[in-house]
Amino acid sequence: MKIGVDLTYIPRFKDKDLLAKKILSSEELKFYDNSENKAQFLASRFALKEAFIKSIEGSILAFDLTKIMTKHKDNGAIYIEFNDKIYQCSLSHENEYCIGVVLND
């Protein structure tokens, strides 16, 4: 099992609509557009995608981040779907920071 972790500074993602289009899937963009805190939403999704890439020992430059999709289970738990495989993950926010953790079994 491998674990990927990424910490993001939320203010860095403020007013980054162009960046959102480069890293969010079309489904994620709908949530982003309706989000009350766009910077937090974008920072958290970036943290999860970066943590996912670390968990598979990849390079962020080798991926189309829009293909790494974050989704929610019925109970609200977040997970990543990539190439028809599900990856467990966890996300937490505190003040100006967000952390994403991904498990790769």
N, C-alpha and C. Protein backbone atom coordinates (compact mmCIF):
# COMPACT_ATOMS: atom_id res chain seq x y z
N MET A 1 0.83 -1.17 0.00
CA MET A 1 0.00 0.00 0.00
C MET A 1 0.89 1.25 0.00
N LYS A 2 0.47 2.22 -0.78
CA LYS A 2 1.19 3.49 -0.82
C LYS A 2 0.23 4.60 -0.43
N ILE A 3 0.79 5.64 0.16
CA ILE A 3 0.01 6.78 0.62
C ILE A 3 0.56 8.04 -0.01
N GLY A 4 -0.32 8.89 -0.50
CA GLY A 4 0.06 10.20 -1.01
C GLY A 4 -0.57 11.27 -0.15
N VAL A 5 0.18 12.33 0.13
CA VAL A 5 -0.31 13.43 0.97
C VAL A 5 0.07 14.75 0.31
N ASP A 6 -0.85 15.71 0.36
CA ASP A 6 -0.53 17.04 -0.15
C ASP A 6 -1.24 18.09 0.70
N LEU A 7 -0.51 19.15 1.01
CA LEU A 7 -1.02 20.28 1.78
C LEU A 7 -1.07 21.50 0.87
N THR A 8 -2.20 22.20 0.88
CA THR A 8 -2.32 23.40 0.05
C THR A 8 -2.67 24.61 0.91
N TYR A 9 -2.22 25.76 0.46
CA TYR A 9 -2.51 27.04 1.09
C TYR A 9 -3.69 27.64 0.32
N ILE A 10 -4.84 27.65 0.93
CA ILE A 10 -6.09 28.01 0.25
C ILE A 10 -6.06 29.39 -0.43
N PRO A 11 -5.53 30.44 0.19
CA PRO A 11 -5.54 31.75 -0.47
C PRO A 11 -4.82 31.76 -1.83
N ARG A 12 -3.91 30.84 -2.03
CA ARG A 12 -3.21 30.74 -3.32
C ARG A 12 -4.17 30.41 -4.46
N PHE A 13 -5.35 29.89 -4.13
CA PHE A 13 -6.32 29.45 -5.14
C PHE A 13 -7.48 30.43 -5.31
N LYS A 14 -7.36 31.62 -4.72
CA LYS A 14 -8.41 32.63 -4.84
C LYS A 14 -8.40 33.25 -6.23
N ASP A 15 -9.59 33.42 -6.80
CA ASP A 15 -9.75 34.04 -8.13
C ASP A 15 -8.96 33.31 -9.21
N LYS A 16 -9.05 32.01 -9.23
CA LYS A 16 -8.30 31.19 -10.19
C LYS A 16 -9.25 30.39 -11.09
N ASP A 17 -10.24 31.07 -11.67
CA ASP A 17 -11.20 30.38 -12.54
C ASP A 17 -10.53 29.70 -13.73
N LEU A 18 -9.49 30.31 -14.27
CA LEU A 18 -8.78 29.70 -15.40
C LEU A 18 -8.07 28.42 -14.96
N LEU A 19 -7.45 28.44 -13.80
CA LEU A 19 -6.80 27.24 -13.27
C LEU A 19 -7.84 26.16 -13.02
N ALA A 20 -9.00 26.53 -12.51
CA ALA A 20 -10.06 25.55 -12.24
C ALA A 20 -10.41 24.78 -13.51
N LYS A 21 -10.46 25.44 -14.64
CA LYS A 21 -10.79 24.78 -15.90
C LYS A 21 -9.70 23.82 -16.35
N LYS A 22 -8.48 24.03 -15.86
CA LYS A 22 -7.36 23.15 -16.23
C LYS A 22 -7.24 21.92 -15.34
N ILE A 23 -7.80 22.00 -14.12
CA ILE A 23 -7.60 20.86 -13.22
C ILE A 23 -8.88 20.15 -12.80
N LEU A 24 -10.05 20.76 -13.01
CA LEU A 24 -11.30 20.12 -12.60
C LEU A 24 -12.00 19.45 -13.77
N SER A 25 -12.62 18.32 -13.49
CA SER A 25 -13.44 17.65 -14.50
C SER A 25 -14.68 18.50 -14.75
N SER A 26 -15.43 18.21 -15.79
CA SER A 26 -16.64 18.99 -16.07
C SER A 26 -17.65 18.87 -14.92
N GLU A 27 -17.72 17.70 -14.30
CA GLU A 27 -18.62 17.51 -13.15
C GLU A 27 -18.15 18.33 -11.95
N GLU A 28 -16.85 18.33 -11.70
CA GLU A 28 -16.29 19.12 -10.60
C GLU A 28 -16.48 20.61 -10.84
N LEU A 29 -16.37 21.05 -12.10
CA LEU A 29 -16.55 22.47 -12.43
C LEU A 29 -17.94 22.97 -12.07
N LYS A 30 -18.95 22.11 -12.21
CA LYS A 30 -20.31 22.49 -11.84
C LYS A 30 -20.39 22.79 -10.35
N PHE A 31 -19.76 21.93 -9.54
CA PHE A 31 -19.74 22.15 -8.09
C PHE A 31 -18.93 23.41 -7.75
N TYR A 32 -17.82 23.60 -8.45
CA TYR A 32 -16.97 24.77 -8.23
C TYR A 32 -17.75 26.06 -8.52
N ASP A 33 -18.44 26.08 -9.65
CA ASP A 33 -19.20 27.27 -10.04
C ASP A 33 -20.27 27.63 -9.02
N ASN A 34 -20.82 26.63 -8.34
CA ASN A 34 -21.88 26.86 -7.35
C ASN A 34 -21.37 26.95 -5.92
N SER A 35 -20.07 26.82 -5.75
CA SER A 35 -19.48 26.81 -4.40
C SER A 35 -19.48 28.21 -3.78
N GLU A 36 -19.76 28.26 -2.48
CA GLU A 36 -19.68 29.52 -1.75
C GLU A 36 -18.23 29.91 -1.48
N ASN A 37 -17.34 28.93 -1.42
CA ASN A 37 -15.92 29.19 -1.17
C ASN A 37 -15.10 28.51 -2.28
N LYS A 38 -15.00 29.18 -3.40
CA LYS A 38 -14.33 28.60 -4.57
C LYS A 38 -12.86 28.29 -4.31
N ALA A 39 -12.17 29.15 -3.58
CA ALA A 39 -10.75 28.93 -3.30
C ALA A 39 -10.57 27.64 -2.50
N GLN A 40 -11.40 27.42 -1.50
CA GLN A 40 -11.30 26.21 -0.70
C GLN A 40 -11.64 24.98 -1.53
N PHE A 41 -12.66 25.07 -2.36
CA PHE A 41 -13.04 23.94 -3.21
C PHE A 41 -11.88 23.57 -4.15
N LEU A 42 -11.33 24.57 -4.83
CA LEU A 42 -10.25 24.32 -5.78
C LEU A 42 -8.99 23.81 -5.09
N ALA A 43 -8.63 24.41 -3.97
CA ALA A 43 -7.44 23.98 -3.22
C ALA A 43 -7.59 22.54 -2.75
N SER A 44 -8.77 22.18 -2.30
CA SER A 44 -8.98 20.82 -1.80
C SER A 44 -8.90 19.80 -2.92
N ARG A 45 -9.47 20.11 -4.07
CA ARG A 45 -9.42 19.17 -5.19
C ARG A 45 -7.99 19.04 -5.73
N PHE A 46 -7.26 20.16 -5.76
CA PHE A 46 -5.87 20.10 -6.19
C PHE A 46 -5.06 19.24 -5.21
N ALA A 47 -5.28 19.43 -3.90
CA ALA A 47 -4.56 18.64 -2.90
C ALA A 47 -4.82 17.15 -3.08
N LEU A 48 -6.07 16.78 -3.33
CA LEU A 48 -6.38 15.35 -3.53
C LEU A 48 -5.75 14.80 -4.80
N LYS A 49 -5.79 15.57 -5.86
CA LYS A 49 -5.21 15.09 -7.12
C LYS A 49 -3.70 14.97 -7.02
N GLU A 50 -3.06 15.93 -6.37
CA GLU A 50 -1.61 15.86 -6.16
C GLU A 50 -1.26 14.68 -5.25
N ALA A 51 -2.05 14.46 -4.19
CA ALA A 51 -1.82 13.32 -3.30
C ALA A 51 -2.00 12.00 -4.05
N PHE A 52 -2.98 11.95 -4.93
CA PHE A 52 -3.19 10.74 -5.75
C PHE A 52 -1.96 10.46 -6.61
N ILE A 53 -1.47 11.47 -7.27
CA ILE A 53 -0.29 11.29 -8.14
C ILE A 53 0.91 10.82 -7.31
N LYS A 54 1.08 11.37 -6.13
CA LYS A 54 2.16 10.93 -5.25
C LYS A 54 1.97 9.47 -4.84
N SER A 55 0.73 9.05 -4.62
CA SER A 55 0.46 7.67 -4.20
C SER A 55 0.79 6.64 -5.29
N ILE A 56 0.79 7.09 -6.54
CA ILE A 56 1.17 6.17 -7.62
C ILE A 56 2.57 6.46 -8.15
N GLU A 57 3.27 7.32 -7.41
CA GLU A 57 4.66 7.69 -7.72
C GLU A 57 4.79 8.27 -9.12
N GLY A 58 3.84 9.13 -9.47
CA GLY A 58 3.85 9.77 -10.78
C GLY A 58 4.32 11.21 -10.71
N SER A 59 4.29 11.86 -11.85
CA SER A 59 4.65 13.27 -11.96
C SER A 59 3.41 14.04 -12.39
N ILE A 60 3.15 15.16 -11.74
CA ILE A 60 1.98 15.95 -12.08
C ILE A 60 2.00 16.41 -13.53
N LEU A 61 3.18 16.54 -14.10
CA LEU A 61 3.30 16.98 -15.49
C LEU A 61 2.86 15.91 -16.48
N ALA A 62 2.77 14.67 -16.03
CA ALA A 62 2.40 13.56 -16.91
C ALA A 62 0.89 13.30 -16.94
N PHE A 63 0.11 14.09 -16.20
CA PHE A 63 -1.32 13.82 -16.09
C PHE A 63 -2.17 14.98 -16.58
N ASP A 64 -3.31 14.62 -17.15
CA ASP A 64 -4.38 15.57 -17.41
C ASP A 64 -5.23 15.53 -16.14
N LEU A 65 -5.13 16.54 -15.30
CA LEU A 65 -5.79 16.53 -14.00
C LEU A 65 -7.30 16.46 -14.11
N THR A 66 -7.86 16.85 -15.26
CA THR A 66 -9.31 16.77 -15.43
C THR A 66 -9.80 15.33 -15.51
N LYS A 67 -8.89 14.39 -15.73
CA LYS A 67 -9.24 12.97 -15.82
C LYS A 67 -9.20 12.27 -14.46
N ILE A 68 -8.62 12.92 -13.47
CA ILE A 68 -8.62 12.42 -12.09
C ILE A 68 -9.82 13.05 -11.42
N MET A 69 -10.86 12.25 -11.17
CA MET A 69 -12.13 12.82 -10.72
C MET A 69 -12.38 12.56 -9.24
N THR A 70 -12.74 13.61 -8.53
CA THR A 70 -13.17 13.46 -7.13
C THR A 70 -14.68 13.35 -7.13
N LYS A 71 -15.18 12.40 -6.34
CA LYS A 71 -16.62 12.16 -6.26
C LYS A 71 -16.99 11.90 -4.81
N HIS A 72 -18.29 11.87 -4.54
CA HIS A 72 -18.78 11.61 -3.19
C HIS A 72 -19.68 10.37 -3.17
N LYS A 73 -19.52 9.57 -2.13
CA LYS A 73 -20.42 8.45 -1.90
C LYS A 73 -21.73 9.00 -1.33
N ASP A 74 -22.73 8.14 -1.23
CA ASP A 74 -24.03 8.56 -0.69
C ASP A 74 -23.90 9.10 0.74
N ASN A 75 -22.93 8.59 1.49
CA ASN A 75 -22.75 9.03 2.88
C ASN A 75 -21.91 10.31 2.98
N GLY A 76 -21.50 10.86 1.84
CA GLY A 76 -20.72 12.10 1.83
C GLY A 76 -19.22 11.92 1.77
N ALA A 77 -18.75 10.69 1.96
CA ALA A 77 -17.31 10.42 1.91
C ALA A 77 -16.78 10.69 0.50
N ILE A 78 -15.61 11.30 0.43
CA ILE A 78 -15.01 11.63 -0.86
C ILE A 78 -14.09 10.51 -1.31
N TYR A 79 -13.99 10.32 -2.62
CA TYR A 79 -13.07 9.34 -3.19
C TYR A 79 -12.61 9.83 -4.55
N ILE A 80 -11.59 9.17 -5.08
CA ILE A 80 -11.07 9.50 -6.41
C ILE A 80 -11.38 8.35 -7.35
N GLU A 81 -11.77 8.71 -8.55
CA GLU A 81 -11.97 7.72 -9.62
C GLU A 81 -11.01 8.06 -10.75
N PHE A 82 -10.22 7.07 -11.15
CA PHE A 82 -9.26 7.27 -12.24
C PHE A 82 -9.12 5.95 -13.00
N ASN A 83 -9.32 5.99 -14.30
CA ASN A 83 -9.24 4.80 -15.15
C ASN A 83 -10.09 3.65 -14.60
N ASP A 84 -11.31 3.96 -14.23
CA ASP A 84 -12.28 2.97 -13.72
C ASP A 84 -11.87 2.31 -12.42
N LYS A 85 -10.96 2.92 -11.68
CA LYS A 85 -10.56 2.39 -10.38
C LYS A 85 -10.88 3.44 -9.31
N ILE A 86 -11.28 2.95 -8.14
CA ILE A 86 -11.63 3.81 -7.02
C ILE A 86 -10.48 3.85 -6.02
N TYR A 87 -10.15 5.05 -5.56
CA TYR A 87 -9.09 5.25 -4.57
C TYR A 87 -9.69 5.92 -3.35
N GLN A 88 -9.44 5.36 -2.18
CA GLN A 88 -9.93 5.95 -0.93
C GLN A 88 -9.10 7.19 -0.61
N CYS A 89 -9.77 8.17 -0.05
CA CYS A 89 -9.03 9.38 0.31
C CYS A 89 -9.72 10.10 1.46
N SER A 90 -9.03 11.08 1.97
CA SER A 90 -9.54 11.90 3.05
C SER A 90 -9.12 13.34 2.80
N LEU A 91 -9.97 14.24 3.25
CA LEU A 91 -9.75 15.66 3.01
C LEU A 91 -10.10 16.43 4.28
N SER A 92 -9.26 17.40 4.63
CA SER A 92 -9.53 18.20 5.81
C SER A 92 -9.11 19.65 5.56
N HIS A 93 -9.86 20.59 6.15
CA HIS A 93 -9.57 22.03 6.04
C HIS A 93 -9.42 22.60 7.44
N GLU A 94 -8.51 23.53 7.56
CA GLU A 94 -8.35 24.26 8.83
C GLU A 94 -7.79 25.64 8.50
N ASN A 95 -8.56 26.66 8.82
CA ASN A 95 -8.17 28.04 8.54
C ASN A 95 -7.76 28.20 7.07
N GLU A 96 -6.51 28.48 6.80
CA GLU A 96 -6.06 28.75 5.43
C GLU A 96 -5.41 27.54 4.75
N TYR A 97 -5.53 26.37 5.35
CA TYR A 97 -4.86 25.19 4.80
C TYR A 97 -5.85 24.04 4.57
N CYS A 98 -5.47 23.23 3.63
CA CYS A 98 -6.24 22.05 3.28
C CYS A 98 -5.25 20.90 3.07
N ILE A 99 -5.62 19.71 3.52
CA ILE A 99 -4.75 18.54 3.33
C ILE A 99 -5.57 17.43 2.68
N GLY A 100 -4.95 16.77 1.71
CA GLY A 100 -5.56 15.63 1.05
C GLY A 100 -4.66 14.42 1.22
N VAL A 101 -5.30 13.27 1.49
CA VAL A 101 -4.58 12.01 1.67
C VAL A 101 -5.24 10.96 0.79
N VAL A 102 -4.44 10.19 0.06
CA VAL A 102 -4.97 9.15 -0.83
C VAL A 102 -4.25 7.84 -0.57
N LEU A 103 -5.04 6.76 -0.48
CA LEU A 103 -4.49 5.41 -0.30
C LEU A 103 -4.53 4.68 -1.63
N ASN A 104 -3.42 4.05 -1.96
CA ASN A 104 -3.33 3.26 -3.18
C ASN A 104 -3.02 1.83 -2.78
N ASP A 105 -4.04 0.97 -2.80
CA ASP A 105 -3.87 -0.43 -2.37
C ASP A 105 -3.09 -1.25 -3.37
